[in-house]
Amino acid sequence: MAYTNGYGAYSQKENVSRFQLRVPKKIMDEIDGFGIPEGFRSRNAAIIYLLKFALEQKKAAGPNANQTPAASAEKENGHDAA
């Protein structure tokens, strides 16, 4: 993956979007537990890395591989789970 620890390719030079995300504390603790030992410069950088990694894994696996029940239900209801 081209992304590196820290801000890397996701600096303010790129066109970026902001959004708020409510995350259970347990998941945030897991993100912090991942990012700090891996040397990420911020929680945001760790989250971007994890999102990009998951999207690349999904793309490599194909469109219907490992689809979660929640994602299937969202698509059946005409909503995109992403």
N, C-alpha and C. Protein backbone atom coordinates (compact mmCIF):
# COMPACT_ATOMS: atom_id res chain seq x y z
N MET A 1 0.85 -1.17 0.00
CA MET A 1 0.00 0.00 0.00
C MET A 1 0.90 1.23 0.00
N ALA A 2 0.51 2.22 -0.75
CA ALA A 2 1.35 3.42 -0.90
C ALA A 2 1.33 4.30 0.34
N TYR A 3 0.34 4.17 1.18
CA TYR A 3 0.21 5.02 2.35
C TYR A 3 1.31 4.70 3.36
N THR A 4 1.86 5.74 3.97
CA THR A 4 2.89 5.55 4.99
C THR A 4 2.38 6.05 6.33
N ASN A 5 3.04 5.65 7.39
CA ASN A 5 2.66 6.12 8.73
C ASN A 5 2.72 7.63 8.79
N GLY A 6 1.91 8.21 9.64
CA GLY A 6 1.86 9.65 9.76
C GLY A 6 0.87 10.22 8.76
N TYR A 7 1.15 11.40 8.28
CA TYR A 7 0.22 12.04 7.36
C TYR A 7 0.46 11.61 5.92
N GLY A 8 1.69 11.30 5.57
CA GLY A 8 2.01 10.77 4.26
C GLY A 8 1.29 11.47 3.12
N ALA A 9 0.61 10.69 2.30
CA ALA A 9 -0.06 11.19 1.10
C ALA A 9 -1.30 12.01 1.43
N TYR A 10 -1.74 12.01 2.67
CA TYR A 10 -2.98 12.68 3.03
C TYR A 10 -2.72 14.02 3.70
N SER A 11 -1.83 14.79 3.14
CA SER A 11 -1.54 16.11 3.69
C SER A 11 -2.60 17.11 3.25
N GLN A 12 -2.56 18.30 3.77
CA GLN A 12 -3.52 19.33 3.44
C GLN A 12 -3.41 19.79 1.99
N LYS A 13 -2.42 19.32 1.26
CA LYS A 13 -2.27 19.69 -0.14
C LYS A 13 -3.36 19.06 -1.00
N GLU A 14 -3.90 17.95 -0.54
CA GLU A 14 -4.93 17.25 -1.30
C GLU A 14 -6.31 17.79 -0.99
N ASN A 15 -7.22 17.55 -1.88
CA ASN A 15 -8.62 17.90 -1.67
C ASN A 15 -9.17 16.93 -0.63
N VAL A 16 -9.57 17.43 0.52
CA VAL A 16 -10.06 16.57 1.59
C VAL A 16 -11.48 16.95 1.98
N SER A 17 -12.21 15.99 2.51
CA SER A 17 -13.55 16.22 3.02
C SER A 17 -13.54 15.95 4.51
N ARG A 18 -14.40 16.63 5.22
CA ARG A 18 -14.55 16.40 6.66
C ARG A 18 -15.88 15.74 6.93
N PHE A 19 -15.91 14.89 7.94
CA PHE A 19 -17.16 14.34 8.42
C PHE A 19 -16.99 13.94 9.87
N GLN A 20 -18.08 13.92 10.58
CA GLN A 20 -18.04 13.49 11.97
C GLN A 20 -18.45 12.03 12.04
N LEU A 21 -17.85 11.32 12.95
CA LEU A 21 -18.12 9.90 13.09
C LEU A 21 -18.24 9.57 14.57
N ARG A 22 -19.35 8.99 14.94
CA ARG A 22 -19.54 8.54 16.32
C ARG A 22 -19.12 7.08 16.38
N VAL A 23 -18.17 6.80 17.26
CA VAL A 23 -17.59 5.47 17.37
C VAL A 23 -17.65 5.02 18.81
N PRO A 24 -18.05 3.77 19.05
CA PRO A 24 -18.03 3.27 20.43
C PRO A 24 -16.62 3.37 21.01
N LYS A 25 -16.54 3.67 22.29
CA LYS A 25 -15.25 3.84 22.95
C LYS A 25 -14.35 2.63 22.77
N LYS A 26 -14.92 1.44 22.83
CA LYS A 26 -14.12 0.22 22.67
C LYS A 26 -13.39 0.21 21.32
N ILE A 27 -14.09 0.61 20.26
CA ILE A 27 -13.47 0.65 18.94
C ILE A 27 -12.40 1.73 18.89
N MET A 28 -12.67 2.90 19.47
CA MET A 28 -11.67 3.97 19.48
C MET A 28 -10.43 3.53 20.25
N ASP A 29 -10.63 2.82 21.34
CA ASP A 29 -9.48 2.30 22.09
C ASP A 29 -8.67 1.33 21.24
N GLU A 30 -9.36 0.52 20.44
CA GLU A 30 -8.66 -0.42 19.56
C GLU A 30 -7.89 0.33 18.47
N ILE A 31 -8.48 1.39 17.93
CA ILE A 31 -7.79 2.20 16.92
C ILE A 31 -6.55 2.83 17.53
N ASP A 32 -6.69 3.39 18.72
CA ASP A 32 -5.53 3.99 19.40
C ASP A 32 -4.48 2.92 19.70
N GLY A 33 -4.92 1.74 20.12
CA GLY A 33 -3.99 0.64 20.40
C GLY A 33 -3.25 0.17 19.16
N PHE A 34 -3.87 0.32 18.01
CA PHE A 34 -3.21 -0.01 16.75
C PHE A 34 -2.27 1.11 16.31
N GLY A 35 -2.78 2.33 16.31
CA GLY A 35 -2.04 3.46 15.73
C GLY A 35 -0.81 3.87 16.48
N ILE A 36 -0.88 3.90 17.79
CA ILE A 36 0.26 4.37 18.59
C ILE A 36 1.47 3.46 18.41
N PRO A 37 1.34 2.13 18.59
CA PRO A 37 2.52 1.27 18.39
C PRO A 37 3.05 1.26 16.96
N GLU A 38 2.16 1.49 15.99
CA GLU A 38 2.59 1.49 14.59
C GLU A 38 3.25 2.81 14.19
N GLY A 39 3.22 3.80 15.08
CA GLY A 39 3.91 5.06 14.82
C GLY A 39 3.13 6.10 14.04
N PHE A 40 1.81 5.97 14.00
CA PHE A 40 1.03 6.99 13.31
C PHE A 40 1.09 8.29 14.10
N ARG A 41 1.12 9.41 13.40
CA ARG A 41 1.27 10.71 14.04
C ARG A 41 -0.01 11.22 14.65
N SER A 42 -1.15 10.63 14.27
CA SER A 42 -2.42 11.08 14.80
C SER A 42 -3.45 9.95 14.71
N ARG A 43 -4.52 10.10 15.47
CA ARG A 43 -5.63 9.16 15.39
C ARG A 43 -6.23 9.21 13.98
N ASN A 44 -6.34 10.41 13.43
CA ASN A 44 -6.87 10.59 12.08
C ASN A 44 -6.06 9.80 11.06
N ALA A 45 -4.75 9.85 11.15
CA ALA A 45 -3.90 9.13 10.22
C ALA A 45 -4.12 7.63 10.33
N ALA A 46 -4.28 7.12 11.54
CA ALA A 46 -4.54 5.69 11.74
C ALA A 46 -5.89 5.30 11.14
N ILE A 47 -6.91 6.13 11.34
CA ILE A 47 -8.24 5.83 10.81
C ILE A 47 -8.22 5.84 9.29
N ILE A 48 -7.54 6.82 8.68
CA ILE A 48 -7.44 6.86 7.22
C ILE A 48 -6.75 5.60 6.70
N TYR A 49 -5.67 5.20 7.35
CA TYR A 49 -4.96 3.99 6.95
C TYR A 49 -5.89 2.78 7.02
N LEU A 50 -6.61 2.63 8.14
CA LEU A 50 -7.49 1.47 8.31
C LEU A 50 -8.62 1.46 7.29
N LEU A 51 -9.20 2.62 7.01
CA LEU A 51 -10.26 2.70 6.00
C LEU A 51 -9.72 2.32 4.62
N LYS A 52 -8.58 2.89 4.27
CA LYS A 52 -7.99 2.60 2.96
C LYS A 52 -7.63 1.12 2.86
N PHE A 53 -7.08 0.56 3.90
CA PHE A 53 -6.72 -0.86 3.91
C PHE A 53 -7.96 -1.73 3.70
N ALA A 54 -9.04 -1.42 4.44
CA ALA A 54 -10.27 -2.21 4.32
C ALA A 54 -10.86 -2.09 2.91
N LEU A 55 -10.85 -0.90 2.35
CA LEU A 55 -11.39 -0.71 1.00
C LEU A 55 -10.56 -1.47 -0.04
N GLU A 56 -9.25 -1.47 0.11
CA GLU A 56 -8.40 -2.20 -0.82
C GLU A 56 -8.61 -3.71 -0.70
N GLN A 57 -8.80 -4.20 0.54
CA GLN A 57 -9.06 -5.61 0.74
C GLN A 57 -10.38 -6.01 0.09
N LYS A 58 -11.39 -5.18 0.27
CA LYS A 58 -12.71 -5.44 -0.31
C LYS A 58 -12.62 -5.45 -1.83
N LYS A 59 -11.91 -4.49 -2.39
CA LYS A 59 -11.76 -4.41 -3.84
C LYS A 59 -11.04 -5.65 -4.38
N ALA A 60 -10.00 -6.08 -3.69
CA ALA A 60 -9.23 -7.24 -4.11
C ALA A 60 -10.05 -8.52 -4.02
N ALA A 61 -10.98 -8.58 -3.06
CA ALA A 61 -11.78 -9.79 -2.85
C ALA A 61 -12.96 -9.89 -3.81
N GLY A 62 -13.34 -8.79 -4.42
CA GLY A 62 -14.48 -8.81 -5.34
C GLY A 62 -15.69 -8.17 -4.72
N PRO A 63 -16.69 -7.86 -5.54
CA PRO A 63 -17.84 -7.08 -5.08
C PRO A 63 -18.74 -7.77 -4.06
N ASN A 64 -18.83 -9.08 -4.06
CA ASN A 64 -19.74 -9.76 -3.14
C ASN A 64 -19.04 -10.57 -2.05
N ALA A 65 -17.74 -10.50 -2.00
CA ALA A 65 -16.98 -11.29 -1.03
C ALA A 65 -17.13 -10.75 0.38
N ASN A 66 -17.38 -11.64 1.32
CA ASN A 66 -17.48 -11.31 2.75
C ASN A 66 -18.41 -10.15 3.04
N GLN A 67 -19.52 -10.09 2.35
CA GLN A 67 -20.47 -9.03 2.62
C GLN A 67 -21.17 -9.32 3.94
N THR A 68 -21.20 -8.34 4.83
CA THR A 68 -21.81 -8.53 6.14
C THR A 68 -23.32 -8.52 6.02
N PRO A 69 -24.04 -9.14 6.96
CA PRO A 69 -25.50 -9.09 6.93
C PRO A 69 -26.03 -7.66 6.97
N ALA A 70 -25.39 -6.77 7.73
CA ALA A 70 -25.84 -5.39 7.81
C ALA A 70 -25.70 -4.70 6.46
N ALA A 71 -24.62 -4.95 5.76
CA ALA A 71 -24.42 -4.35 4.44
C ALA A 71 -25.44 -4.89 3.46
N SER A 72 -25.74 -6.17 3.53
CA SER A 72 -26.74 -6.76 2.64
C SER A 72 -28.10 -6.13 2.88
N ALA A 73 -28.47 -5.96 4.13
CA ALA A 73 -29.77 -5.37 4.47
C ALA A 73 -29.86 -3.94 3.99
N GLU A 74 -28.78 -3.18 4.14
CA GLU A 74 -28.77 -1.79 3.68
C GLU A 74 -28.98 -1.72 2.18
N LYS A 75 -28.31 -2.59 1.43
CA LYS A 75 -28.46 -2.57 -0.02
C LYS A 75 -29.85 -2.99 -0.44
N GLU A 76 -30.45 -3.95 0.27
CA GLU A 76 -31.80 -4.39 -0.04
C GLU A 76 -32.80 -3.26 0.19
N ASN A 77 -32.52 -2.40 1.15
CA ASN A 77 -33.41 -1.28 1.47
C ASN A 77 -33.12 -0.04 0.61
N GLY A 78 -32.22 -0.19 -0.35
CA GLY A 78 -31.91 0.92 -1.24
C GLY A 78 -30.92 1.92 -0.68
N HIS A 79 -30.19 1.52 0.34
CA HIS A 79 -29.18 2.39 0.94
C HIS A 79 -27.82 1.77 0.74
N ASP A 80 -26.83 2.61 0.62
CA ASP A 80 -25.46 2.14 0.51
C ASP A 80 -24.86 2.12 1.90
N ALA A 81 -24.31 0.99 2.32
CA ALA A 81 -23.79 0.82 3.68
C ALA A 81 -22.55 1.65 3.93
N ALA A 82 -21.86 2.07 2.90
CA ALA A 82 -20.60 2.79 3.08
C ALA A 82 -20.78 4.20 3.52
